């Protein structure tokens, strides 16, 4: 994935879920706090449609490149163009250097 500064043309918002324990001791997400809004290069690279016996599931995978930062966690949620993306792998530096950070994300498409 080639990345240069002039290709960061899309804005993404990085949200961190806020969780608390319920009466049974389970962690429940009750809010999301904004970590950052950054410029990014967003590329869809895979799509899958599974038509099982019970229901149809549509998934789209995205690869997102942003400027390197250390405050992104794998549990963070990405909002982009009204879509909610969940990370599928820990963020990693492109080419092992600290210039670009790559986020592997998945969007679960709702049935119409």
C-alpha atoms as a PDB file:
ATOM      1  CA  UNK A   1       0.000   0.000   0.000  1.00  0.00           C
ATOM      2  CA  UNK A   2       1.652   3.204  -1.193  1.00  0.00           C
ATOM      3  CA  UNK A   3       0.873   6.292   0.886  1.00  0.00           C
ATOM      4  CA  UNK A   4       1.879   9.920   0.459  1.00  0.00           C
ATOM      5  CA  UNK A   5       0.670  13.012   2.301  1.00  0.00           C
ATOM      6  CA  UNK A   6      -1.399  14.327  -0.602  1.00  0.00           C
ATOM      7  CA  UNK A   7      -3.451  11.090  -0.611  1.00  0.00           C
ATOM      8  CA  UNK A   8      -4.839  11.639   2.900  1.00  0.00           C
ATOM      9  CA  UNK A   9      -8.085  13.174   1.623  1.00  0.00           C
ATOM     10  CA  UNK A  10     -10.747  11.596   3.824  1.00  0.00           C
ATOM     11  CA  UNK A  11     -11.642  12.428   7.424  1.00  0.00           C
ATOM     12  CA  UNK A  12     -12.142   9.635   9.926  1.00  0.00           C
ATOM     13  CA  UNK A  13     -13.163   9.852  13.562  1.00  0.00           C
ATOM     14  CA  UNK A  14     -11.638   7.441  16.041  1.00  0.00           C
ATOM     15  CA  UNK A  15     -13.939   6.570  18.955  1.00  0.00           C
ATOM     16  CA  UNK A  16     -13.112   4.631  22.112  1.00  0.00           C
ATOM     17  CA  UNK A  17     -15.894   2.611  23.783  1.00  0.00           C
ATOM     18  CA  UNK A  18     -16.561   3.419  27.439  1.00  0.00           C
ATOM     19  CA  UNK A  19     -17.541   0.290  29.344  1.00  0.00           C
ATOM     20  CA  UNK A  20     -18.797  -0.446  32.830  1.00  0.00           C
ATOM     21  CA  UNK A  21     -19.822  -3.577  34.673  1.00  0.00           C
ATOM     22  CA  UNK A  22     -23.461  -4.542  34.955  1.00  0.00           C
ATOM     23  CA  UNK A  23     -25.029  -6.333  37.933  1.00  0.00           C
ATOM     24  CA  UNK A  24     -23.736  -9.723  36.730  1.00  0.00           C
ATOM     25  CA  UNK A  25     -20.169  -8.461  36.272  1.00  0.00           C
ATOM     26  CA  UNK A  26     -20.249  -8.301  32.454  1.00  0.00           C
ATOM     27  CA  UNK A  27     -18.635  -5.368  30.654  1.00  0.00           C
ATOM     28  CA  UNK A  28     -21.280  -3.330  28.834  1.00  0.00           C
ATOM     29  CA  UNK A  29     -20.556  -0.486  26.402  1.00  0.00           C
ATOM     30  CA  UNK A  30     -22.618   2.544  27.349  1.00  0.00           C
ATOM     31  CA  UNK A  31     -20.864   5.400  25.575  1.00  0.00           C
ATOM     32  CA  UNK A  32     -18.084   6.295  23.138  1.00  0.00           C
ATOM     33  CA  UNK A  33     -15.519   9.055  23.568  1.00  0.00           C
ATOM     34  CA  UNK A  34     -13.781  10.721  20.645  1.00  0.00           C
ATOM     35  CA  UNK A  35     -10.046  10.029  20.559  1.00  0.00           C
ATOM     36  CA  UNK A  36      -9.215  11.988  17.403  1.00  0.00           C
ATOM     37  CA  UNK A  37     -10.392  13.143  13.998  1.00  0.00           C
ATOM     38  CA  UNK A  38      -7.633  12.669  11.434  1.00  0.00           C
ATOM     39  CA  UNK A  39      -6.978  12.700   7.702  1.00  0.00           C
ATOM     40  CA  UNK A  40      -6.761   9.228   6.186  1.00  0.00           C
ATOM     41  CA  UNK A  41      -6.529   7.163   3.036  1.00  0.00           C
ATOM     42  CA  UNK A  42      -9.347   4.581   3.086  1.00  0.00           C
ATOM     43  CA  UNK A  43      -9.265   1.639   0.682  1.00  0.00           C
ATOM     44  CA  UNK A  44     -11.873  -1.128   0.519  1.00  0.00           C
ATOM     45  CA  UNK A  45     -10.011  -4.331  -0.321  1.00  0.00           C
ATOM     46  CA  UNK A  46     -12.395  -7.245   0.264  1.00  0.00           C
ATOM     47  CA  UNK A  47     -16.103  -7.955   0.327  1.00  0.00           C
ATOM     48  CA  UNK A  48     -17.965 -11.076   1.369  1.00  0.00           C
ATOM     49  CA  UNK A  49     -21.601 -12.071   1.097  1.00  0.00           C
ATOM     50  CA  UNK A  50     -22.583 -15.189   3.035  1.00  0.00           C
ATOM     51  CA  UNK A  51     -26.036 -16.533   2.360  1.00  0.00           C
ATOM     52  CA  UNK A  52     -26.514 -19.068   5.118  1.00  0.00           C
ATOM     53  CA  UNK A  53     -29.632 -20.926   6.086  1.00  0.00           C
ATOM     54  CA  UNK A  54     -30.690 -18.403   8.710  1.00  0.00           C
ATOM     55  CA  UNK A  55     -29.673 -15.023   7.338  1.00  0.00           C
ATOM     56  CA  UNK A  56     -27.567 -13.168   4.818  1.00  0.00           C
ATOM     57  CA  UNK A  57     -24.401 -11.478   6.107  1.00  0.00           C
ATOM     58  CA  UNK A  58     -22.510  -8.843   4.135  1.00  0.00           C
ATOM     59  CA  UNK A  59     -19.037  -7.712   5.181  1.00  0.00           C
ATOM     60  CA  UNK A  60     -16.671  -5.176   3.645  1.00  0.00           C
ATOM     61  CA  UNK A  61     -13.022  -4.989   4.733  1.00  0.00           C
ATOM     62  CA  UNK A  62     -11.083  -1.728   4.635  1.00  0.00           C
ATOM     63  CA  UNK A  63      -7.433  -0.808   4.988  1.00  0.00           C
ATOM     64  CA  UNK A  64      -6.921   2.682   6.417  1.00  0.00           C
ATOM     65  CA  UNK A  65      -3.647   4.616   6.468  1.00  0.00           C
ATOM     66  CA  UNK A  66      -3.127   7.562   8.843  1.00  0.00           C
ATOM     67  CA  UNK A  67      -0.121   9.454  10.176  1.00  0.00           C
ATOM     68  CA  UNK A  68       1.662   7.414  12.847  1.00  0.00           C
ATOM     69  CA  UNK A  69       0.364   7.822  16.385  1.00  0.00           C
ATOM     70  CA  UNK A  70       0.620   5.709  19.529  1.00  0.00           C
ATOM     71  CA  UNK A  71      -2.799   6.250  21.122  1.00  0.00           C
ATOM     72  CA  UNK A  72      -4.840   3.938  18.856  1.00  0.00           C
ATOM     73  CA  UNK A  73      -6.086   0.669  20.398  1.00  0.00           C
ATOM     74  CA  UNK A  74      -7.484  -2.391  18.656  1.00  0.00           C
ATOM     75  CA  UNK A  75     -10.805  -1.865  20.469  1.00  0.00           C
ATOM     76  CA  UNK A  76     -11.272   1.626  18.983  1.00  0.00           C
ATOM     77  CA  UNK A  77     -14.082   2.176  16.494  1.00  0.00           C
ATOM     78  CA  UNK A  78     -13.642   4.097  13.235  1.00  0.00           C
ATOM     79  CA  UNK A  79     -16.415   6.326  11.824  1.00  0.00           C
ATOM     80  CA  UNK A  80     -16.071   7.190   8.143  1.00  0.00           C
ATOM     81  CA  UNK A  81     -18.742   8.636   5.833  1.00  0.00           C
ATOM     82  CA  UNK A  82     -21.542   7.495   8.122  1.00  0.00           C
ATOM     83  CA  UNK A  83     -20.153   3.954   8.346  1.00  0.00           C
ATOM     84  CA  UNK A  84     -19.019   2.262  11.540  1.00  0.00           C
ATOM     85  CA  UNK A  85     -15.870   0.177  11.147  1.00  0.00           C
ATOM     86  CA  UNK A  86     -14.428  -2.236  13.720  1.00  0.00           C
ATOM     87  CA  UNK A  87     -10.745  -3.101  13.734  1.00  0.00           C
ATOM     88  CA  UNK A  88      -9.934  -6.730  12.940  1.00  0.00           C
ATOM     89  CA  UNK A  89      -6.221  -6.604  13.820  1.00  0.00           C
ATOM     90  CA  UNK A  90      -3.919  -4.470  15.963  1.00  0.00           C
ATOM     91  CA  UNK A  91      -2.729  -1.277  14.227  1.00  0.00           C
ATOM     92  CA  UNK A  92       0.747  -1.611  12.726  1.00  0.00           C
ATOM     93  CA  UNK A  93       3.362   0.676  11.251  1.00  0.00           C
ATOM     94  CA  UNK A  94       3.815   0.530   7.494  1.00  0.00           C
ATOM     95  CA  UNK A  95       7.235  -0.929   6.599  1.00  0.00           C
ATOM     96  CA  UNK A  96       8.056  -1.093  10.313  1.00  0.00           C
ATOM     97  CA  UNK A  97       8.729   2.635  10.410  1.00  0.00           C
ATOM     98  CA  UNK A  98       6.939   5.290  12.435  1.00  0.00           C
ATOM     99  CA  UNK A  99       5.617   7.326   9.544  1.00  0.00           C
ATOM    100  CA  UNK A 100       2.284   5.659   8.733  1.00  0.00           C
ATOM    101  CA  UNK A 101      -0.140   3.608  10.809  1.00  0.00           C
ATOM    102  CA  UNK A 102      -2.285   0.978   9.073  1.00  0.00           C
ATOM    103  CA  UNK A 103      -5.694   0.011  10.471  1.00  0.00           C
ATOM    104  CA  UNK A 104      -7.405  -3.163   9.240  1.00  0.00           C
ATOM    105  CA  UNK A 105     -11.171  -2.695   9.650  1.00  0.00           C
ATOM    106  CA  UNK A 106     -14.448  -4.432   8.848  1.00  0.00           C
ATOM    107  CA  UNK A 107     -17.897  -2.998   8.218  1.00  0.00           C
ATOM    108  CA  UNK A 108     -20.865  -5.233   8.867  1.00  0.00           C
ATOM    109  CA  UNK A 109     -23.535  -4.153   6.392  1.00  0.00           C
ATOM    110  CA  UNK A 110     -27.101  -4.186   7.721  1.00  0.00           C
ATOM    111  CA  UNK A 111     -29.852  -5.927   5.757  1.00  0.00           C
ATOM    112  CA  UNK A 112     -32.316  -3.627   4.034  1.00  0.00           C
END
